[in-house]
């Protein structure tokens, strides 16, 4: 038995990263950072608009979440349609990263690049900053809870720990409350091993999810 699958581990940016590239006479400052929510992505864009108010364009793309639960956004910010936001988003999607926002700040240098040149310039700027961006892993852990007779508590502890769970004690009464925190992919194993070790007497159920970012 198990529960609805939420989200498996995936890579996210570990720190804000900035890279400057040039195309023609224009300068492109590409900035990548972690964006766990759409508001985080918007905050990064707003911050760069404040820092570089004299820039010609602040183009961006973001992917909040990962896989089937991702939310995308992008903008050409005044560049010809499809020449900035879409190419940046293509690089973001191809990077394997989740919870990521990339903003490319352009200072126009006086020479037009044409639509093909703009696509290449924004693509290369996004590729450069994401190649330099350090990564961490975002992991979903589940909190499992149950109750056990005192005589079975040590058996539950050993079975859960053997399957990779971190076991804690809850309130004490006629029996003892148990909390197990485990990586999502190991939750089924923990539930099954505890049930088997106690002949079905102790059943653990999900009581919430915890998201952690690890190096």
C-alpha atoms as a PDB file:
ATOM      1  CA  UNK A   1       0.000   0.000   0.000  1.00  0.00           C
ATOM      2  CA  UNK A   2       1.114   3.574  -0.598  1.00  0.00           C
ATOM      3  CA  UNK A   3      -0.060   7.077  -1.321  1.00  0.00           C
ATOM      4  CA  UNK A   4      -0.138   9.513  -4.199  1.00  0.00           C
ATOM      5  CA  UNK A   5       3.342  10.224  -5.519  1.00  0.00           C
ATOM      6  CA  UNK A   6       4.337  13.851  -5.145  1.00  0.00           C
ATOM      7  CA  UNK A   7       7.721  14.866  -6.476  1.00  0.00           C
ATOM      8  CA  UNK A   8      11.023  12.983  -6.725  1.00  0.00           C
ATOM      9  CA  UNK A   9      14.446  14.540  -6.129  1.00  0.00           C
ATOM     10  CA  UNK A  10      15.702  16.993  -8.743  1.00  0.00           C
ATOM     11  CA  UNK A  11      18.605  19.457  -9.171  1.00  0.00           C
ATOM     12  CA  UNK A  12      18.170  23.157  -8.344  1.00  0.00           C
ATOM     13  CA  UNK A  13      20.568  26.128  -8.403  1.00  0.00           C
ATOM     14  CA  UNK A  14      22.744  26.295  -5.288  1.00  0.00           C
ATOM     15  CA  UNK A  15      23.597  30.003  -5.567  1.00  0.00           C
ATOM     16  CA  UNK A  16      22.930  33.056  -7.694  1.00  0.00           C
ATOM     17  CA  UNK A  17      25.284  33.084 -10.671  1.00  0.00           C
ATOM     18  CA  UNK A  18      26.108  35.911 -13.088  1.00  0.00           C
ATOM     19  CA  UNK A  19      27.884  35.702 -16.449  1.00  0.00           C
ATOM     20  CA  UNK A  20      28.544  38.470 -18.986  1.00  0.00           C
ATOM     21  CA  UNK A  21      28.682  37.725 -22.723  1.00  0.00           C
ATOM     22  CA  UNK A  22      28.840  39.909 -25.811  1.00  0.00           C
ATOM     23  CA  UNK A  23      27.246  39.758 -29.244  1.00  0.00           C
ATOM     24  CA  UNK A  24      27.977  42.463 -31.780  1.00  0.00           C
ATOM     25  CA  UNK A  25      28.363  45.597 -29.688  1.00  0.00           C
ATOM     26  CA  UNK A  26      25.734  44.554 -27.155  1.00  0.00           C
ATOM     27  CA  UNK A  27      26.474  43.294 -23.659  1.00  0.00           C
ATOM     28  CA  UNK A  28      24.351  40.534 -22.113  1.00  0.00           C
ATOM     29  CA  UNK A  29      24.392  39.979 -18.358  1.00  0.00           C
ATOM     30  CA  UNK A  30      22.810  36.615 -17.587  1.00  0.00           C
ATOM     31  CA  UNK A  31      21.729  35.865 -14.011  1.00  0.00           C
ATOM     32  CA  UNK A  32      20.462  32.495 -12.746  1.00  0.00           C
ATOM     33  CA  UNK A  33      19.044  31.795  -9.303  1.00  0.00           C
ATOM     34  CA  UNK A  34      16.784  29.379  -7.459  1.00  0.00           C
ATOM     35  CA  UNK A  35      13.057  30.187  -7.630  1.00  0.00           C
ATOM     36  CA  UNK A  36      10.959  27.822  -5.539  1.00  0.00           C
ATOM     37  CA  UNK A  37       7.825  29.850  -6.339  1.00  0.00           C
ATOM     38  CA  UNK A  38       6.623  32.144  -9.106  1.00  0.00           C
ATOM     39  CA  UNK A  39       6.917  35.003  -6.599  1.00  0.00           C
ATOM     40  CA  UNK A  40      10.617  34.146  -6.153  1.00  0.00           C
ATOM     41  CA  UNK A  41      11.119  34.397  -9.912  1.00  0.00           C
ATOM     42  CA  UNK A  42       9.287  37.717 -10.047  1.00  0.00           C
ATOM     43  CA  UNK A  43      11.385  39.012  -7.146  1.00  0.00           C
ATOM     44  CA  UNK A  44      14.597  38.194  -9.040  1.00  0.00           C
ATOM     45  CA  UNK A  45      13.326  39.982 -12.144  1.00  0.00           C
ATOM     46  CA  UNK A  46      12.268  43.022 -10.084  1.00  0.00           C
ATOM     47  CA  UNK A  47      15.651  43.098  -8.320  1.00  0.00           C
ATOM     48  CA  UNK A  48      17.525  43.159 -11.607  1.00  0.00           C
ATOM     49  CA  UNK A  49      15.271  45.873 -12.986  1.00  0.00           C
ATOM     50  CA  UNK A  50      16.159  47.961  -9.921  1.00  0.00           C
ATOM     51  CA  UNK A  51      19.867  47.200 -10.202  1.00  0.00           C
ATOM     52  CA  UNK A  52      20.059  47.882 -13.927  1.00  0.00           C
ATOM     53  CA  UNK A  53      17.352  50.470 -14.681  1.00  0.00           C
ATOM     54  CA  UNK A  54      19.269  51.821 -17.677  1.00  0.00           C
ATOM     55  CA  UNK A  55      19.442  48.463 -19.481  1.00  0.00           C
ATOM     56  CA  UNK A  56      17.633  48.147 -22.801  1.00  0.00           C
ATOM     57  CA  UNK A  57      15.880  44.861 -22.003  1.00  0.00           C
ATOM     58  CA  UNK A  58      15.368  42.498 -19.046  1.00  0.00           C
ATOM     59  CA  UNK A  59      14.355  39.225 -20.694  1.00  0.00           C
ATOM     60  CA  UNK A  60      13.678  36.113 -18.660  1.00  0.00           C
ATOM     61  CA  UNK A  61      12.382  32.587 -18.324  1.00  0.00           C
ATOM     62  CA  UNK A  62      11.680  30.414 -15.314  1.00  0.00           C
ATOM     63  CA  UNK A  63      10.669  26.870 -14.420  1.00  0.00           C
ATOM     64  CA  UNK A  64       9.147  26.469 -10.950  1.00  0.00           C
ATOM     65  CA  UNK A  65       8.875  22.839  -9.932  1.00  0.00           C
ATOM     66  CA  UNK A  66      10.065  19.974 -12.099  1.00  0.00           C
ATOM     67  CA  UNK A  67       8.764  17.330 -14.459  1.00  0.00           C
ATOM     68  CA  UNK A  68       4.991  17.057 -14.622  1.00  0.00           C
ATOM     69  CA  UNK A  69       4.440  19.713 -11.943  1.00  0.00           C
ATOM     70  CA  UNK A  70       6.423  22.583 -13.472  1.00  0.00           C
ATOM     71  CA  UNK A  71       5.158  26.158 -14.017  1.00  0.00           C
ATOM     72  CA  UNK A  72       6.827  28.104 -16.820  1.00  0.00           C
ATOM     73  CA  UNK A  73       7.049  31.784 -17.590  1.00  0.00           C
ATOM     74  CA  UNK A  74       9.028  33.896 -20.052  1.00  0.00           C
ATOM     75  CA  UNK A  75       9.199  37.368 -21.579  1.00  0.00           C
ATOM     76  CA  UNK A  76      10.885  39.053 -24.540  1.00  0.00           C
ATOM     77  CA  UNK A  77      10.615  42.406 -22.721  1.00  0.00           C
ATOM     78  CA  UNK A  78      10.409  44.430 -25.916  1.00  0.00           C
ATOM     79  CA  UNK A  79      12.681  42.328 -28.105  1.00  0.00           C
ATOM     80  CA  UNK A  80      11.084  40.966 -31.311  1.00  0.00           C
ATOM     81  CA  UNK A  81       8.600  38.209 -30.473  1.00  0.00           C
ATOM     82  CA  UNK A  82      10.222  34.836 -29.869  1.00  0.00           C
ATOM     83  CA  UNK A  83      13.819  36.067 -29.932  1.00  0.00           C
ATOM     84  CA  UNK A  84      14.579  36.187 -26.189  1.00  0.00           C
ATOM     85  CA  UNK A  85      12.136  34.644 -23.701  1.00  0.00           C
ATOM     86  CA  UNK A  86      11.498  31.517 -25.750  1.00  0.00           C
ATOM     87  CA  UNK A  87      15.205  30.763 -26.406  1.00  0.00           C
ATOM     88  CA  UNK A  88      16.033  31.300 -22.717  1.00  0.00           C
ATOM     89  CA  UNK A  89      13.176  28.985 -21.730  1.00  0.00           C
ATOM     90  CA  UNK A  90      14.425  26.315 -24.151  1.00  0.00           C
ATOM     91  CA  UNK A  91      17.818  26.406 -22.417  1.00  0.00           C
ATOM     92  CA  UNK A  92      16.183  26.285 -18.971  1.00  0.00           C
ATOM     93  CA  UNK A  93      14.119  23.255 -19.970  1.00  0.00           C
ATOM     94  CA  UNK A  94      17.136  21.523 -21.450  1.00  0.00           C
ATOM     95  CA  UNK A  95      19.279  22.080 -18.354  1.00  0.00           C
ATOM     96  CA  UNK A  96      17.530  19.493 -16.173  1.00  0.00           C
ATOM     97  CA  UNK A  97      17.162  22.072 -13.404  1.00  0.00           C
ATOM     98  CA  UNK A  98      13.957  22.782 -11.536  1.00  0.00           C
ATOM     99  CA  UNK A  99      13.062  25.817  -9.417  1.00  0.00           C
ATOM    100  CA  UNK A 100      15.215  28.035 -11.624  1.00  0.00           C
ATOM    101  CA  UNK A 101      14.910  31.526 -13.063  1.00  0.00           C
ATOM    102  CA  UNK A 102      17.212  33.078 -15.664  1.00  0.00           C
ATOM    103  CA  UNK A 103      17.197  36.787 -16.461  1.00  0.00           C
ATOM    104  CA  UNK A 104      19.282  38.182 -19.321  1.00  0.00           C
ATOM    105  CA  UNK A 105      19.886  41.928 -19.082  1.00  0.00           C
ATOM    106  CA  UNK A 106      20.855  43.502 -22.411  1.00  0.00           C
ATOM    107  CA  UNK A 107      22.674  46.741 -23.002  1.00  0.00           C
ATOM    108  CA  UNK A 108      22.223  47.682 -26.658  1.00  0.00           C
ATOM    109  CA  UNK A 109      25.504  48.561 -28.318  1.00  0.00           C
ATOM    110  CA  UNK A 110      24.206  50.329 -31.416  1.00  0.00           C
ATOM    111  CA  UNK A 111      24.376  47.458 -33.929  1.00  0.00           C
ATOM    112  CA  UNK A 112      21.245  45.445 -34.631  1.00  0.00           C
ATOM    113  CA  UNK A 113      21.678  41.675 -34.463  1.00  0.00           C
ATOM    114  CA  UNK A 114      18.624  40.594 -36.432  1.00  0.00           C
ATOM    115  CA  UNK A 115      16.210  37.929 -35.229  1.00  0.00           C
ATOM    116  CA  UNK A 116      18.644  35.064 -35.764  1.00  0.00           C
ATOM    117  CA  UNK A 117      21.426  36.945 -34.023  1.00  0.00           C
ATOM    118  CA  UNK A 118      19.182  37.737 -31.059  1.00  0.00           C
ATOM    119  CA  UNK A 119      18.127  34.103 -30.666  1.00  0.00           C
ATOM    120  CA  UNK A 120      21.774  33.030 -30.694  1.00  0.00           C
ATOM    121  CA  UNK A 121      22.826  35.754 -28.270  1.00  0.00           C
ATOM    122  CA  UNK A 122      20.118  35.006 -25.696  1.00  0.00           C
ATOM    123  CA  UNK A 123      20.608  31.267 -26.086  1.00  0.00           C
ATOM    124  CA  UNK A 124      24.363  31.535 -25.543  1.00  0.00           C
ATOM    125  CA  UNK A 125      23.962  33.860 -22.553  1.00  0.00           C
ATOM    126  CA  UNK A 126      21.516  31.460 -20.883  1.00  0.00           C
ATOM    127  CA  UNK A 127      23.703  28.453 -21.662  1.00  0.00           C
ATOM    128  CA  UNK A 128      26.772  30.162 -20.215  1.00  0.00           C
ATOM    129  CA  UNK A 129      25.151  31.111 -16.913  1.00  0.00           C
ATOM    130  CA  UNK A 130      23.519  27.714 -16.359  1.00  0.00           C
ATOM    131  CA  UNK A 131      26.779  25.918 -17.200  1.00  0.00           C
ATOM    132  CA  UNK A 132      28.480  27.960 -14.469  1.00  0.00           C
ATOM    133  CA  UNK A 133      25.645  27.652 -11.941  1.00  0.00           C
ATOM    134  CA  UNK A 134      26.395  25.281  -9.016  1.00  0.00           C
ATOM    135  CA  UNK A 135      23.732  22.702  -8.238  1.00  0.00           C
ATOM    136  CA  UNK A 136      22.099  21.116  -5.230  1.00  0.00           C
ATOM    137  CA  UNK A 137      19.341  18.515  -4.916  1.00  0.00           C
ATOM    138  CA  UNK A 138      15.819  19.228  -3.763  1.00  0.00           C
ATOM    139  CA  UNK A 139      14.426  16.185  -1.991  1.00  0.00           C
ATOM    140  CA  UNK A 140      10.909  15.498  -0.766  1.00  0.00           C
ATOM    141  CA  UNK A 141      10.770  13.648   2.554  1.00  0.00           C
ATOM    142  CA  UNK A 142       7.579  12.233   4.012  1.00  0.00           C
ATOM    143  CA  UNK A 143       6.540  12.238   7.648  1.00  0.00           C
ATOM    144  CA  UNK A 144       4.934   8.929   8.576  1.00  0.00           C
ATOM    145  CA  UNK A 145       3.070   8.479  11.841  1.00  0.00           C
ATOM    146  CA  UNK A 146       1.569   5.571  13.742  1.00  0.00           C
ATOM    147  CA  UNK A 147       1.165   4.052  17.168  1.00  0.00           C
ATOM    148  CA  UNK A 148       2.704   0.916  18.636  1.00  0.00           C
ATOM    149  CA  UNK A 149       2.468  -1.135  21.817  1.00  0.00           C
ATOM    150  CA  UNK A 150       5.496  -0.531  24.032  1.00  0.00           C
ATOM    151  CA  UNK A 151       6.669  -4.088  23.419  1.00  0.00           C
ATOM    152  CA  UNK A 152       6.905  -3.419  19.668  1.00  0.00           C
ATOM    153  CA  UNK A 153       8.520   0.010  19.721  1.00  0.00           C
ATOM    154  CA  UNK A 154      12.120  -1.223  19.405  1.00  0.00           C
ATOM    155  CA  UNK A 155      11.086  -3.582  16.609  1.00  0.00           C
ATOM    156  CA  UNK A 156       9.493  -0.654  14.754  1.00  0.00           C
ATOM    157  CA  UNK A 157      12.550   1.514  15.335  1.00  0.00           C
ATOM    158  CA  UNK A 158      14.927  -1.119  13.942  1.00  0.00           C
ATOM    159  CA  UNK A 159      12.731  -1.930  10.928  1.00  0.00           C
ATOM    160  CA  UNK A 160      12.256   1.738   9.990  1.00  0.00           C
ATOM    161  CA  UNK A 161      15.931   2.594  10.486  1.00  0.00           C
ATOM    162  CA  UNK A 162      16.989  -0.376   8.349  1.00  0.00           C
ATOM    163  CA  UNK A 163      14.883   1.028   5.502  1.00  0.00           C
ATOM    164  CA  UNK A 164      16.417   4.506   5.835  1.00  0.00           C
ATOM    165  CA  UNK A 165      13.903   6.233   8.102  1.00  0.00           C
ATOM    166  CA  UNK A 166      14.688   8.641  10.940  1.00  0.00           C
ATOM    167  CA  UNK A 167      12.581   7.502  13.904  1.00  0.00           C
ATOM    168  CA  UNK A 168      11.257   9.720  16.677  1.00  0.00           C
ATOM    169  CA  UNK A 169       8.923   9.196  19.600  1.00  0.00           C
ATOM    170  CA  UNK A 170       5.563  10.857  20.071  1.00  0.00           C
ATOM    171  CA  UNK A 171       3.323  11.082  23.107  1.00  0.00           C
ATOM    172  CA  UNK A 172       3.128   8.183  25.538  1.00  0.00           C
ATOM    173  CA  UNK A 173      -0.113   6.668  26.770  1.00  0.00           C
ATOM    174  CA  UNK A 174      -1.449   3.172  26.659  1.00  0.00           C
ATOM    175  CA  UNK A 175       0.873   2.849  23.658  1.00  0.00           C
ATOM    176  CA  UNK A 176       3.565   5.057  22.107  1.00  0.00           C
ATOM    177  CA  UNK A 177       3.294   7.444  19.167  1.00  0.00           C
ATOM    178  CA  UNK A 178       5.868   7.024  16.402  1.00  0.00           C
ATOM    179  CA  UNK A 179       7.089   9.482  13.776  1.00  0.00           C
ATOM    180  CA  UNK A 180       9.299   8.381  10.902  1.00  0.00           C
ATOM    181  CA  UNK A 181      10.814  10.855   8.427  1.00  0.00           C
ATOM    182  CA  UNK A 182      12.019   9.217   5.234  1.00  0.00           C
ATOM    183  CA  UNK A 183      12.987  10.091   1.669  1.00  0.00           C
ATOM    184  CA  UNK A 184       9.931   9.754  -0.528  1.00  0.00           C
ATOM    185  CA  UNK A 185      11.336   6.927  -2.617  1.00  0.00           C
ATOM    186  CA  UNK A 186      11.903   4.816   0.522  1.00  0.00           C
ATOM    187  CA  UNK A 187       8.506   5.413   2.135  1.00  0.00           C
ATOM    188  CA  UNK A 188       6.823   2.329   0.710  1.00  0.00           C
ATOM    189  CA  UNK A 189       9.691   0.143   1.922  1.00  0.00           C
ATOM    190  CA  UNK A 190       9.477   1.599   5.439  1.00  0.00           C
ATOM    191  CA  UNK A 191       5.713   1.114   5.622  1.00  0.00           C
ATOM    192  CA  UNK A 192       5.951  -2.467   4.361  1.00  0.00           C
ATOM    193  CA  UNK A 193       8.875  -3.469   6.584  1.00  0.00           C
ATOM    194  CA  UNK A 194       7.272  -2.053   9.731  1.00  0.00           C
ATOM    195  CA  UNK A 195       4.007  -3.817   8.940  1.00  0.00           C
ATOM    196  CA  UNK A 196       5.814  -7.096   8.253  1.00  0.00           C
ATOM    197  CA  UNK A 197       8.007  -6.855  11.365  1.00  0.00           C
ATOM    198  CA  UNK A 198       4.958  -6.314  13.582  1.00  0.00           C
ATOM    199  CA  UNK A 199       2.674  -8.809  11.803  1.00  0.00           C
ATOM    200  CA  UNK A 200       0.449  -5.936  10.682  1.00  0.00           C
ATOM    201  CA  UNK A 201      -0.013  -4.541  14.199  1.00  0.00           C
ATOM    202  CA  UNK A 202       1.672  -1.212  13.394  1.00  0.00           C
ATOM    203  CA  UNK A 203       0.678   0.709  10.294  1.00  0.00           C
ATOM    204  CA  UNK A 204       2.330   3.970   9.338  1.00  0.00           C
ATOM    205  CA  UNK A 205       0.479   6.616   7.327  1.00  0.00           C
ATOM    206  CA  UNK A 206       1.586   9.870   5.698  1.00  0.00           C
ATOM    207  CA  UNK A 207       1.171  12.964   7.842  1.00  0.00           C
ATOM    208  CA  UNK A 208       2.817  15.523   5.596  1.00  0.00           C
ATOM    209  CA  UNK A 209       5.777  16.281   3.348  1.00  0.00           C
ATOM    210  CA  UNK A 210       9.014  18.128   4.015  1.00  0.00           C
ATOM    211  CA  UNK A 211      11.142  19.613   1.234  1.00  0.00           C
ATOM    212  CA  UNK A 212      14.909  19.792   1.769  1.00  0.00           C
ATOM    213  CA  UNK A 213      17.715  21.152  -0.375  1.00  0.00           C
ATOM    214  CA  UNK A 214      20.965  19.226  -0.054  1.00  0.00           C
ATOM    215  CA  UNK A 215      24.465  19.754  -1.365  1.00  0.00           C
END
